[in-house]
Structures are given as structure tokens and as C-alpha cells.
Amino acid sequence: MTALPPFPGGYSSYATGINNQGQVVGWAENGIHDPTCDPSFQILQFRAAMWEPNGTMHELPPLPGDSTSAATAINDLGQVVGISGDCGIAVGSVSAKHAVLWQNGVPIDLGNIGGDAWNTPTAINNQGTIIGFKWRSSECCSRSVREQALTAPTLSETPVGVEKGLRGIGSWWARVLQLLRELEP
């Protein structure tokens, strides 16, 4: 077994996924005291992390304006999905304001799928199909989302200028929103 360390100054790390290349993703604390954290549960900022098989650790940054991020899954192409938001109590909720796809370490905002929080992708396959869930405070329960036709951009579509990648993501997320509207009672 190999320990997966936190970022410098942090105490905790948490692994959530691994691909067939041995890359592991999750999140790890760093030494920054985050004012968006609820200090009765969490003090230090956490960031999405990827650990390479050789032990090298990479930060996957949050979206601009967010303080925290967490990776939830990785496919064999190295596409990573996860969340970005505020710290809160560090277990979802406001830390999952935005669903995120990281392409080559660059975060792409997948937005939200109608949730107040917990807009959380939980898996991405090698075809780029993403599944996850959302939660709205006006509902009793979370809703799962899955659609085989929904795909993340391929590596060849990785944005040189972010706008190219966002066109594909925008239509992807619009389809997710359409599916959710169809599920509404």
C-alpha cells in the first residue's frame, strides 16, 4: 500500500478514483486557512489532486472565484471530473456548487444541473460519458443523471482557447438540463 500525501501544510487526503494507468484522483488539504470553511468542521482549504504512479502529485485547481475543488473520478484518457465551490463543511453541499471537468489539468465549468449544491459528477468512462447527481433544497432527495449520449469533449477538443471546449460542454450541459426537466414531477 502507498500513502497518498496531502499538499504541503495539509493533514488529510482522500482518494476517490483510479484509472488503468494507475493515476489516482481525489482531494487533499493544503496549509491555507480558508475563510469559506465552517470552522466547527473544517479549517484548511482542500484542492482536487491527482497522484501519478511514480508518486508525483498534481493540483487540479478550482474554477475562478471558488476556493476549493475535489476530483471524484478519472478515465483512462486522463479526463477528470469533480466539483468546485466554497469550503463549507467539506463534504459536498456548497463545495459542489459547480460540476467540473479537468482536461490536461485545466478546469472547465460544467455549471450545475439545477441543484442548489451537490452538483456532483461521480464517474466518467473512456467515451466521456459522465454520470452524477444534484440536490435542490426544495426537494427531499437527490436526483441521479445519466445519459449515454452525453459525452465530454475528446482530448482533441481540449480548448486551446477555452471557448472551443465550452461550446461542446455547453451543449452537453443543456442536454442534462433538458433531461432533468423531463424528470420533474
Protein backbone atom coordinates (compact mmCIF):
# COMPACT_ATOMS: atom_id res chain seq x y z
CA MET A 1 0.00 0.00 0.00
CA THR A 2 1.25 3.50 -0.85
CA ALA A 3 0.39 6.58 1.19
CA LEU A 4 -1.06 9.47 -0.83
CA PRO A 5 0.12 12.61 0.93
CA PRO A 6 -1.73 15.91 1.31
CA PHE A 7 -0.37 19.14 -0.16
CA PRO A 8 2.29 20.95 1.91
CA GLY A 9 0.80 22.20 5.20
CA GLY A 10 -2.24 19.94 4.99
CA TYR A 11 -3.14 16.99 7.19
CA SER A 12 -5.62 14.91 5.19
CA SER A 13 -6.01 13.43 1.74
CA TYR A 14 -8.79 11.32 0.27
CA ALA A 15 -8.70 9.12 -2.85
CA THR A 16 -11.85 8.58 -4.90
CA GLY A 17 -10.83 7.04 -8.22
CA ILE A 18 -8.11 5.27 -10.20
CA ASN A 19 -7.68 4.52 -13.89
CA ASN A 20 -5.89 1.66 -15.67
CA GLN A 21 -2.71 3.76 -15.93
CA GLY A 22 -2.51 3.89 -12.13
CA GLN A 23 -3.37 7.58 -11.84
CA VAL A 24 -5.33 8.23 -8.63
CA VAL A 25 -7.63 11.23 -8.04
CA GLY A 26 -9.30 12.71 -5.01
CA TRP A 27 -8.59 15.74 -2.85
CA ALA A 28 -6.10 16.90 -0.29
CA GLU A 29 -5.77 19.68 2.24
CA ASN A 30 -3.16 22.38 1.89
CA GLY A 31 -1.92 24.74 4.59
CA ILE A 32 -4.22 27.65 3.71
CA HIS A 33 -6.84 28.67 6.27
CA ASP A 34 -9.96 29.09 4.13
CA PRO A 35 -12.48 31.70 5.34
CA THR A 36 -15.27 29.93 3.43
CA CYS A 37 -14.88 26.87 5.70
CA ASP A 38 -17.21 26.22 8.63
CA PRO A 39 -14.53 26.16 11.37
CA SER A 40 -16.51 23.73 13.52
CA PHE A 41 -15.88 21.08 10.81
CA GLN A 42 -13.06 22.21 8.51
CA ILE A 43 -10.39 24.89 8.64
CA LEU A 44 -7.92 24.16 5.85
CA GLN A 45 -8.60 24.60 2.17
CA PHE A 46 -8.70 21.45 0.04
CA ARG A 47 -7.99 21.02 -3.62
CA ALA A 48 -8.55 18.30 -6.21
CA ALA A 49 -5.47 16.15 -6.57
CA MET A 50 -4.03 13.62 -8.96
CA TRP A 51 -1.28 11.27 -7.84
CA GLU A 52 0.80 9.68 -10.63
CA PRO A 53 2.05 6.08 -10.32
CA ASN A 54 5.58 7.43 -9.63
CA GLY A 55 4.27 9.45 -6.64
CA THR A 56 4.18 12.86 -8.33
CA MET A 57 1.20 14.88 -7.07
CA HIS A 58 -0.66 17.49 -9.16
CA GLU A 59 -3.19 20.07 -8.02
CA LEU A 60 -6.34 20.36 -10.13
CA PRO A 61 -7.41 23.93 -9.44
CA PRO A 62 -10.93 25.13 -8.70
CA LEU A 63 -12.82 27.40 -11.06
CA PRO A 64 -12.02 31.11 -10.85
CA GLY A 65 -13.75 32.62 -7.82
CA ASP A 66 -14.02 29.29 -5.97
CA SER A 67 -11.71 28.34 -3.12
CA THR A 68 -11.94 24.54 -3.13
CA SER A 69 -12.11 21.65 -5.55
CA ALA A 70 -12.31 17.86 -5.33
CA ALA A 71 -11.87 15.19 -8.01
CA THR A 72 -14.30 12.29 -8.00
CA ALA A 73 -13.30 10.14 -11.00
CA ILE A 74 -10.78 9.70 -13.81
CA ASN A 75 -10.92 7.74 -17.06
CA ASP A 76 -8.08 6.08 -18.97
CA LEU A 77 -7.66 9.19 -21.16
CA GLY A 78 -6.83 11.26 -18.07
CA GLN A 79 -10.10 13.21 -18.13
CA VAL A 80 -11.04 14.03 -14.54
CA VAL A 81 -14.44 15.07 -13.17
CA GLY A 82 -15.27 16.60 -9.82
CA ILE A 83 -16.53 19.67 -8.03
CA SER A 84 -15.60 23.28 -7.35
CA GLY A 85 -17.05 25.74 -4.83
CA ASP A 86 -16.68 27.07 -1.29
CA CYS A 87 -15.29 25.03 1.59
CA GLY A 88 -18.33 24.81 3.92
CA ILE A 89 -18.08 21.57 5.90
CA ALA A 90 -16.02 19.89 3.16
CA VAL A 91 -18.50 17.10 2.35
CA GLY A 92 -20.29 18.42 -0.74
CA SER A 93 -23.06 20.97 -0.35
CA VAL A 94 -21.52 24.38 -1.17
CA SER A 95 -18.21 22.76 -2.08
CA ALA A 96 -20.11 21.28 -5.04
CA LYS A 97 -21.58 24.50 -6.45
CA HIS A 98 -20.15 23.58 -9.85
CA ALA A 99 -19.51 20.33 -11.64
CA VAL A 100 -16.08 20.40 -13.28
CA LEU A 101 -14.21 18.55 -16.00
CA TRP A 102 -10.42 18.89 -15.99
CA GLN A 103 -8.77 18.46 -19.39
CA ASN A 104 -4.97 18.41 -19.13
CA GLY A 105 -5.28 19.98 -15.67
CA VAL A 106 -7.44 22.90 -16.86
CA PRO A 107 -10.87 23.20 -15.18
CA ILE A 108 -13.91 23.52 -17.43
CA ASP A 109 -17.14 24.62 -15.76
CA LEU A 110 -19.95 22.15 -16.35
CA GLY A 111 -22.19 24.51 -14.34
CA ASN A 112 -24.89 23.00 -12.26
CA ILE A 113 -27.79 20.77 -13.16
CA GLY A 114 -30.44 22.68 -11.30
CA GLY A 115 -29.16 21.96 -7.82
CA ASP A 116 -28.55 24.49 -5.08
CA ALA A 117 -25.45 22.46 -4.31
CA TRP A 118 -24.21 18.89 -4.60
CA ASN A 119 -23.80 19.23 -8.40
CA THR A 120 -21.52 16.22 -8.38
CA PRO A 121 -20.24 14.08 -11.25
CA THR A 122 -19.33 10.66 -9.88
CA ALA A 123 -17.89 8.80 -12.88
CA ILE A 124 -16.56 9.32 -16.42
CA ASN A 125 -15.96 6.45 -18.82
CA ASN A 126 -13.48 6.26 -21.71
CA GLN A 127 -16.14 7.53 -24.11
CA GLY A 128 -16.52 10.63 -21.92
CA THR A 129 -19.97 9.74 -20.59
CA ILE A 130 -20.39 11.42 -17.22
CA ILE A 131 -22.86 10.41 -14.50
CA GLY A 132 -23.58 12.17 -11.24
CA PHE A 133 -26.22 13.70 -9.02
CA LYS A 134 -27.65 17.02 -7.87
CA TRP A 135 -29.65 18.24 -4.91
CA ARG A 136 -32.15 21.08 -4.53
CA SER A 137 -33.21 22.34 -1.12
CA SER A 138 -36.83 22.31 -2.29
CA GLU A 139 -36.66 18.53 -2.83
CA CYS A 140 -36.39 15.73 -0.32
CA CYS A 141 -33.90 13.74 -2.27
CA SER A 142 -31.00 13.93 -4.71
CA ARG A 143 -31.51 13.12 -8.38
CA SER A 144 -29.19 10.97 -10.43
CA VAL A 145 -28.37 11.86 -14.02
CA ARG A 146 -27.11 9.51 -16.70
CA GLU A 147 -27.33 9.68 -20.45
CA GLN A 148 -25.22 7.60 -22.79
CA ALA A 149 -25.40 10.27 -25.49
CA LEU A 150 -23.76 12.85 -23.22
CA THR A 151 -20.04 12.97 -23.70
CA ALA A 152 -17.21 15.14 -22.52
CA PRO A 153 -15.04 16.69 -25.21
CA THR A 154 -12.38 14.38 -26.57
CA LEU A 155 -8.75 15.20 -25.94
CA SER A 156 -8.55 16.56 -29.49
CA GLU A 157 -11.26 19.07 -28.49
CA THR A 158 -9.31 20.28 -25.46
CA PRO A 159 -9.61 24.05 -25.63
CA VAL A 160 -6.65 25.98 -26.96
CA GLY A 161 -8.95 28.92 -26.39
CA VAL A 162 -11.42 27.80 -23.71
CA GLU A 163 -14.37 28.89 -25.88
CA LYS A 164 -13.87 25.89 -28.21
CA GLY A 165 -14.22 23.42 -25.34
CA LEU A 166 -17.09 25.32 -23.78
CA ARG A 167 -19.21 25.05 -26.91
CA GLY A 168 -19.21 21.26 -26.56
CA ILE A 169 -19.67 21.37 -22.79
CA GLY A 170 -22.48 23.94 -23.06
CA SER A 171 -24.49 21.73 -25.37
CA TRP A 172 -23.72 18.72 -23.16
CA TRP A 173 -24.97 20.51 -20.07
CA ALA A 174 -28.02 21.87 -21.91
CA ARG A 175 -28.96 18.24 -22.68
CA VAL A 176 -28.54 17.32 -18.99
CA LEU A 177 -30.84 20.18 -18.03
CA GLN A 178 -33.39 19.04 -20.62
CA LEU A 179 -33.31 15.51 -19.19
CA LEU A 180 -33.83 16.83 -15.69
CA ARG A 181 -36.81 18.92 -16.77
CA GLU A 182 -38.33 15.78 -18.28
CA LEU A 183 -37.90 14.03 -14.91
CA GLU A 184 -39.58 16.80 -12.92
CA PRO A 185 -42.99 15.82 -11.45
